[in-house]
Amino acid sequence: MANVNRSARKRVRQAEKRKLRNKSYKSFVKTLTKKFRAETDPEKKKELLSLLYAALDKGVSKGIFHRNTAARRKKKAALLLKKSLEG
């Protein structure tokens, strides 16, 4: 931990809290993505896509994901859904 002053120590504590929160949210999004990919029922897959979009957008607004990263993941998920509906 920083050994400088009170504000520096506080920033270290805040950064640690945020790191844990962000890690947890990223894990949640990864799990949701895996569930989406594993799903075979088209209706459930559409539902999961909607949840995944919402989670990614929320992650962007909280500063966890860059907006281009979220857009890329959303695009890839949409293509997977389209592919599963065709085939």
N, C-alpha and C. Protein backbone atom coordinates (compact mmCIF):
# COMPACT_ATOMS: atom_id res chain seq x y z
N MET A 1 0.84 -1.18 0.00
CA MET A 1 0.00 0.00 0.00
C MET A 1 0.87 1.24 0.00
N ALA A 2 0.35 2.29 -0.59
CA ALA A 2 1.11 3.54 -0.66
C ALA A 2 1.44 4.05 0.72
N ASN A 3 2.61 4.60 0.85
CA ASN A 3 3.06 5.10 2.15
C ASN A 3 3.32 6.59 2.06
N VAL A 4 2.44 7.27 1.34
CA VAL A 4 2.65 8.69 1.08
C VAL A 4 1.79 9.53 2.00
N ASN A 5 0.52 9.61 1.74
CA ASN A 5 -0.37 10.41 2.56
C ASN A 5 -1.75 9.76 2.60
N ARG A 6 -2.65 10.38 3.33
CA ARG A 6 -3.98 9.80 3.52
C ARG A 6 -4.74 9.65 2.21
N SER A 7 -4.66 10.67 1.37
CA SER A 7 -5.43 10.62 0.12
C SER A 7 -4.91 9.52 -0.81
N ALA A 8 -3.60 9.32 -0.83
CA ALA A 8 -3.04 8.26 -1.67
C ALA A 8 -3.48 6.89 -1.17
N ARG A 9 -3.49 6.71 0.13
CA ARG A 9 -3.95 5.43 0.69
C ARG A 9 -5.42 5.20 0.38
N LYS A 10 -6.20 6.27 0.46
CA LYS A 10 -7.62 6.15 0.15
C LYS A 10 -7.83 5.76 -1.32
N ARG A 11 -7.05 6.35 -2.22
CA ARG A 11 -7.17 6.03 -3.63
C ARG A 11 -6.83 4.56 -3.89
N VAL A 12 -5.86 4.03 -3.15
CA VAL A 12 -5.51 2.62 -3.30
C VAL A 12 -6.68 1.75 -2.86
N ARG A 13 -7.31 2.12 -1.75
CA ARG A 13 -8.48 1.35 -1.28
C ARG A 13 -9.62 1.41 -2.29
N GLN A 14 -9.87 2.59 -2.83
CA GLN A 14 -10.94 2.75 -3.82
C GLN A 14 -10.66 1.93 -5.08
N ALA A 15 -9.41 1.97 -5.52
CA ALA A 15 -9.04 1.23 -6.72
C ALA A 15 -9.24 -0.27 -6.52
N GLU A 16 -8.92 -0.76 -5.33
CA GLU A 16 -9.09 -2.18 -5.02
C GLU A 16 -10.58 -2.57 -5.06
N LYS A 17 -11.42 -1.74 -4.47
CA LYS A 17 -12.87 -2.00 -4.49
C LYS A 17 -13.39 -2.03 -5.92
N ARG A 18 -12.99 -1.05 -6.71
CA ARG A 18 -13.46 -0.97 -8.09
C ARG A 18 -12.96 -2.15 -8.91
N LYS A 19 -11.72 -2.56 -8.65
CA LYS A 19 -11.15 -3.69 -9.38
C LYS A 19 -11.98 -4.95 -9.13
N LEU A 20 -12.34 -5.18 -7.86
CA LEU A 20 -13.14 -6.36 -7.52
C LEU A 20 -14.53 -6.29 -8.15
N ARG A 21 -15.14 -5.11 -8.11
CA ARG A 21 -16.47 -4.93 -8.68
C ARG A 21 -16.44 -5.16 -10.19
N ASN A 22 -15.44 -4.59 -10.85
CA ASN A 22 -15.33 -4.74 -12.30
C ASN A 22 -15.05 -6.19 -12.68
N LYS A 23 -14.21 -6.86 -11.92
CA LYS A 23 -13.88 -8.25 -12.19
C LYS A 23 -15.13 -9.12 -12.08
N SER A 24 -15.93 -8.86 -11.06
CA SER A 24 -17.16 -9.61 -10.86
C SER A 24 -18.12 -9.40 -12.03
N TYR A 25 -18.25 -8.15 -12.48
CA TYR A 25 -19.18 -7.86 -13.56
C TYR A 25 -18.69 -8.47 -14.88
N LYS A 26 -17.38 -8.42 -15.12
CA LYS A 26 -16.84 -9.04 -16.33
C LYS A 26 -17.09 -10.54 -16.34
N SER A 27 -16.96 -11.15 -15.17
CA SER A 27 -17.21 -12.58 -15.04
C SER A 27 -18.67 -12.89 -15.35
N PHE A 28 -19.57 -12.04 -14.85
CA PHE A 28 -21.00 -12.21 -15.11
C PHE A 28 -21.29 -12.15 -16.61
N VAL A 29 -20.68 -11.20 -17.29
CA VAL A 29 -20.90 -11.06 -18.74
C VAL A 29 -20.33 -12.26 -19.48
N LYS A 30 -19.18 -12.76 -19.06
CA LYS A 30 -18.59 -13.94 -19.70
C LYS A 30 -19.50 -15.15 -19.53
N THR A 31 -20.06 -15.32 -18.34
CA THR A 31 -20.96 -16.44 -18.08
C THR A 31 -22.20 -16.33 -18.94
N LEU A 32 -22.74 -15.12 -19.05
CA LEU A 32 -23.92 -14.89 -19.87
C LEU A 32 -23.62 -15.21 -21.34
N THR A 33 -22.44 -14.84 -21.79
CA THR A 33 -22.03 -15.13 -23.17
C THR A 33 -21.93 -16.63 -23.40
N LYS A 34 -21.36 -17.34 -22.44
CA LYS A 34 -21.24 -18.79 -22.57
C LYS A 34 -22.61 -19.46 -22.61
N LYS A 35 -23.53 -18.98 -21.77
CA LYS A 35 -24.89 -19.53 -21.78
C LYS A 35 -25.55 -19.28 -23.14
N PHE A 36 -25.35 -18.08 -23.66
CA PHE A 36 -25.92 -17.73 -24.97
C PHE A 36 -25.39 -18.66 -26.05
N ARG A 37 -24.08 -18.87 -26.06
CA ARG A 37 -23.47 -19.73 -27.08
C ARG A 37 -23.94 -21.18 -26.97
N ALA A 38 -24.16 -21.65 -25.73
CA ALA A 38 -24.52 -23.05 -25.51
C ALA A 38 -26.00 -23.32 -25.79
N GLU A 39 -26.83 -22.31 -25.75
CA GLU A 39 -28.27 -22.48 -25.92
C GLU A 39 -28.59 -22.94 -27.34
N THR A 40 -29.54 -23.88 -27.45
CA THR A 40 -29.93 -24.38 -28.75
C THR A 40 -31.34 -23.93 -29.16
N ASP A 41 -32.20 -23.66 -28.19
CA ASP A 41 -33.56 -23.21 -28.48
C ASP A 41 -33.53 -21.76 -28.98
N PRO A 42 -34.05 -21.49 -30.18
CA PRO A 42 -33.99 -20.14 -30.74
C PRO A 42 -34.68 -19.06 -29.89
N GLU A 43 -35.81 -19.41 -29.28
CA GLU A 43 -36.53 -18.43 -28.47
C GLU A 43 -35.73 -18.04 -27.22
N LYS A 44 -35.16 -19.04 -26.57
CA LYS A 44 -34.34 -18.77 -25.39
C LYS A 44 -33.07 -18.02 -25.78
N LYS A 45 -32.57 -18.33 -26.97
CA LYS A 45 -31.35 -17.67 -27.43
C LYS A 45 -31.62 -16.18 -27.67
N LYS A 46 -32.79 -15.85 -28.21
CA LYS A 46 -33.17 -14.45 -28.40
C LYS A 46 -33.27 -13.73 -27.06
N GLU A 47 -33.85 -14.41 -26.08
CA GLU A 47 -33.99 -13.84 -24.74
C GLU A 47 -32.62 -13.57 -24.12
N LEU A 48 -31.72 -14.55 -24.26
CA LEU A 48 -30.37 -14.39 -23.72
C LEU A 48 -29.61 -13.28 -24.45
N LEU A 49 -29.87 -13.12 -25.74
CA LEU A 49 -29.22 -12.05 -26.50
C LEU A 49 -29.64 -10.69 -25.94
N SER A 50 -30.91 -10.56 -25.63
CA SER A 50 -31.41 -9.32 -25.05
C SER A 50 -30.74 -9.03 -23.70
N LEU A 51 -30.60 -10.07 -22.87
CA LEU A 51 -29.93 -9.90 -21.58
C LEU A 51 -28.45 -9.54 -21.77
N LEU A 52 -27.83 -10.16 -22.74
CA LEU A 52 -26.42 -9.90 -23.01
C LEU A 52 -26.22 -8.46 -23.48
N TYR A 53 -27.09 -7.99 -24.37
CA TYR A 53 -27.02 -6.60 -24.83
C TYR A 53 -27.13 -5.64 -23.65
N ALA A 54 -28.11 -5.90 -22.78
CA ALA A 54 -28.32 -5.02 -21.63
C ALA A 54 -27.11 -5.02 -20.71
N ALA A 55 -26.54 -6.18 -20.47
CA ALA A 55 -25.38 -6.29 -19.59
C ALA A 55 -24.18 -5.56 -20.18
N LEU A 56 -23.97 -5.71 -21.48
CA LEU A 56 -22.85 -5.02 -22.12
C LEU A 56 -23.03 -3.50 -22.10
N ASP A 57 -24.25 -3.05 -22.37
CA ASP A 57 -24.52 -1.61 -22.35
C ASP A 57 -24.33 -1.04 -20.95
N LYS A 58 -24.75 -1.79 -19.95
CA LYS A 58 -24.58 -1.35 -18.57
C LYS A 58 -23.09 -1.30 -18.22
N GLY A 59 -22.33 -2.27 -18.70
CA GLY A 59 -20.89 -2.29 -18.47
C GLY A 59 -20.20 -1.09 -19.09
N VAL A 60 -20.68 -0.67 -20.26
CA VAL A 60 -20.11 0.51 -20.92
C VAL A 60 -20.43 1.75 -20.10
N SER A 61 -21.67 1.86 -19.64
CA SER A 61 -22.05 3.06 -18.89
C SER A 61 -21.33 3.15 -17.54
N LYS A 62 -20.94 2.01 -16.98
CA LYS A 62 -20.20 2.00 -15.72
C LYS A 62 -18.70 2.13 -15.93
N GLY A 63 -18.26 2.11 -17.19
CA GLY A 63 -16.84 2.25 -17.48
C GLY A 63 -16.05 0.97 -17.36
N ILE A 64 -16.74 -0.16 -17.38
CA ILE A 64 -16.07 -1.46 -17.27
C ILE A 64 -15.57 -1.91 -18.64
N PHE A 65 -16.37 -1.66 -19.67
CA PHE A 65 -15.99 -2.01 -21.03
C PHE A 65 -15.87 -0.74 -21.87
N HIS A 66 -14.99 -0.77 -22.85
CA HIS A 66 -14.93 0.29 -23.84
C HIS A 66 -16.12 0.09 -24.78
N ARG A 67 -16.65 1.17 -25.30
CA ARG A 67 -17.86 1.04 -26.12
C ARG A 67 -17.63 0.22 -27.38
N ASN A 68 -16.43 0.30 -27.95
CA ASN A 68 -16.14 -0.50 -29.14
C ASN A 68 -16.06 -1.99 -28.82
N THR A 69 -15.56 -2.31 -27.64
CA THR A 69 -15.50 -3.71 -27.20
C THR A 69 -16.91 -4.28 -27.08
N ALA A 70 -17.78 -3.51 -26.45
CA ALA A 70 -19.16 -3.96 -26.29
C ALA A 70 -19.84 -4.11 -27.65
N ALA A 71 -19.59 -3.16 -28.54
CA ALA A 71 -20.20 -3.22 -29.87
C ALA A 71 -19.72 -4.46 -30.62
N ARG A 72 -18.44 -4.77 -30.51
CA ARG A 72 -17.88 -5.94 -31.18
C ARG A 72 -18.52 -7.22 -30.65
N ARG A 73 -18.65 -7.31 -29.33
CA ARG A 73 -19.25 -8.50 -28.73
C ARG A 73 -20.72 -8.64 -29.09
N LYS A 74 -21.44 -7.52 -29.14
CA LYS A 74 -22.85 -7.55 -29.51
C LYS A 74 -23.01 -8.01 -30.97
N LYS A 75 -22.14 -7.50 -31.83
CA LYS A 75 -22.20 -7.87 -33.24
C LYS A 75 -21.94 -9.37 -33.41
N LYS A 76 -20.94 -9.87 -32.71
CA LYS A 76 -20.59 -11.28 -32.82
C LYS A 76 -21.76 -12.15 -32.32
N ALA A 77 -22.39 -11.74 -31.23
CA ALA A 77 -23.52 -12.50 -30.69
C ALA A 77 -24.69 -12.48 -31.67
N ALA A 78 -24.94 -11.32 -32.28
CA ALA A 78 -26.04 -11.22 -33.24
C ALA A 78 -25.80 -12.13 -34.45
N LEU A 79 -24.54 -12.17 -34.90
CA LEU A 79 -24.21 -13.05 -36.02
C LEU A 79 -24.41 -14.52 -35.65
N LEU A 80 -24.04 -14.88 -34.42
CA LEU A 80 -24.25 -16.26 -33.97
C LEU A 80 -25.74 -16.62 -33.92
N LEU A 81 -26.54 -15.67 -33.47
CA LEU A 81 -27.99 -15.90 -33.42
C LEU A 81 -28.53 -16.08 -34.83
N LYS A 82 -28.12 -15.20 -35.74
CA LYS A 82 -28.59 -15.28 -37.13
C LYS A 82 -28.20 -16.62 -37.74
N LYS A 83 -26.97 -17.05 -37.48
CA LYS A 83 -26.48 -18.31 -38.01
C LYS A 83 -27.29 -19.49 -37.46
N SER A 84 -27.62 -19.44 -36.17
CA SER A 84 -28.37 -20.55 -35.56
C SER A 84 -29.82 -20.58 -36.05
N LEU A 85 -30.37 -19.41 -36.38
CA LEU A 85 -31.76 -19.37 -36.89
C LEU A 85 -31.83 -19.89 -38.32
N GLU A 86 -30.78 -19.64 -39.09
CA GLU A 86 -30.77 -20.11 -40.49
C GLU A 86 -30.57 -21.62 -40.57
N GLY A 87 -29.65 -22.12 -39.71
CA GLY A 87 -29.27 -23.52 -39.84
C GLY A 87 -30.01 -24.47 -39.01
